[in-house]
Amino acid sequence: MNLAADYARLGRPDAARTHLHRARGAARTLADDRYGERVRDAIRRLEIRLDEDGGHRP
């Protein structure tokens, strides 16, 4: 997730999406607790931001 956010800030949406895909996979292993929900919410917010910025999906 952090790498995806860094790539997004650097203007590299393809790299950001690659790391978001990996983060989504890892987030599936998190518990359905407050921490897991915060991580999944952060992933969704970054996906929305990338979509709004017009980045292309790999």
Protein backbone atom coordinates (compact mmCIF):
# COMPACT_ATOMS: atom_id res chain seq x y z
CA MET A 1 0.00 0.00 0.00
CA ASN A 2 2.75 2.45 0.91
CA LEU A 3 4.67 1.78 -2.30
CA ALA A 4 1.48 2.28 -4.31
CA ALA A 5 0.89 5.64 -2.63
CA ASP A 6 4.49 6.67 -3.26
CA TYR A 7 4.26 5.78 -6.94
CA ALA A 8 0.99 7.71 -7.21
CA ARG A 9 2.69 10.78 -5.72
CA LEU A 10 5.53 10.41 -8.22
CA GLY A 11 3.06 10.42 -11.11
CA ARG A 12 3.55 6.75 -11.97
CA PRO A 13 -0.01 5.37 -12.01
CA ASP A 14 0.88 2.06 -13.67
CA ALA A 15 3.40 1.22 -10.97
CA ALA A 16 0.94 2.41 -8.33
CA ARG A 17 -1.75 0.08 -9.70
CA THR A 18 0.66 -2.86 -9.71
CA HIS A 19 1.39 -2.35 -6.03
CA LEU A 20 -2.28 -1.74 -5.25
CA HIS A 21 -3.07 -5.11 -6.79
CA ARG A 22 -0.49 -6.70 -4.48
CA ALA A 23 -1.84 -4.76 -1.49
CA ARG A 24 -5.39 -5.97 -2.21
CA GLY A 25 -4.14 -9.56 -2.18
CA ALA A 26 -2.32 -9.06 1.10
CA ALA A 27 -5.28 -7.23 2.64
CA ARG A 28 -7.42 -10.36 2.18
CA THR A 29 -5.37 -12.01 4.91
CA LEU A 30 -6.12 -9.24 7.43
CA ALA A 31 -8.75 -9.78 10.08
CA ASP A 32 -12.13 -8.09 9.85
CA ASP A 33 -11.19 -5.69 12.60
CA ARG A 34 -10.57 -1.97 12.77
CA TYR A 35 -7.01 -2.20 11.43
CA GLY A 36 -7.93 -4.44 8.50
CA GLU A 37 -10.82 -2.19 7.59
CA ARG A 38 -8.60 0.91 7.67
CA VAL A 39 -6.09 -0.73 5.33
CA ARG A 40 -8.83 -1.82 2.91
CA ASP A 41 -10.36 1.67 3.03
CA ALA A 42 -6.98 3.23 2.22
CA ILE A 43 -6.63 0.91 -0.77
CA ARG A 44 -10.09 1.87 -2.03
CA ARG A 45 -9.37 5.59 -1.61
CA LEU A 46 -6.14 5.33 -3.58
CA GLU A 47 -7.91 3.36 -6.33
CA ILE A 48 -10.53 6.10 -6.58
CA ARG A 49 -7.85 8.79 -6.70
CA LEU A 50 -6.01 6.98 -9.49
CA ASP A 51 -9.26 6.56 -11.43
CA GLU A 52 -10.06 10.26 -11.05
CA ASP A 53 -6.55 11.20 -12.21
CA GLY A 54 -7.10 9.21 -15.42
CA GLY A 55 -4.36 6.62 -14.95
CA HIS A 56 -4.60 3.50 -17.08
CA ARG A 57 -5.13 0.08 -15.53
CA PRO A 58 -2.54 -2.59 -16.36
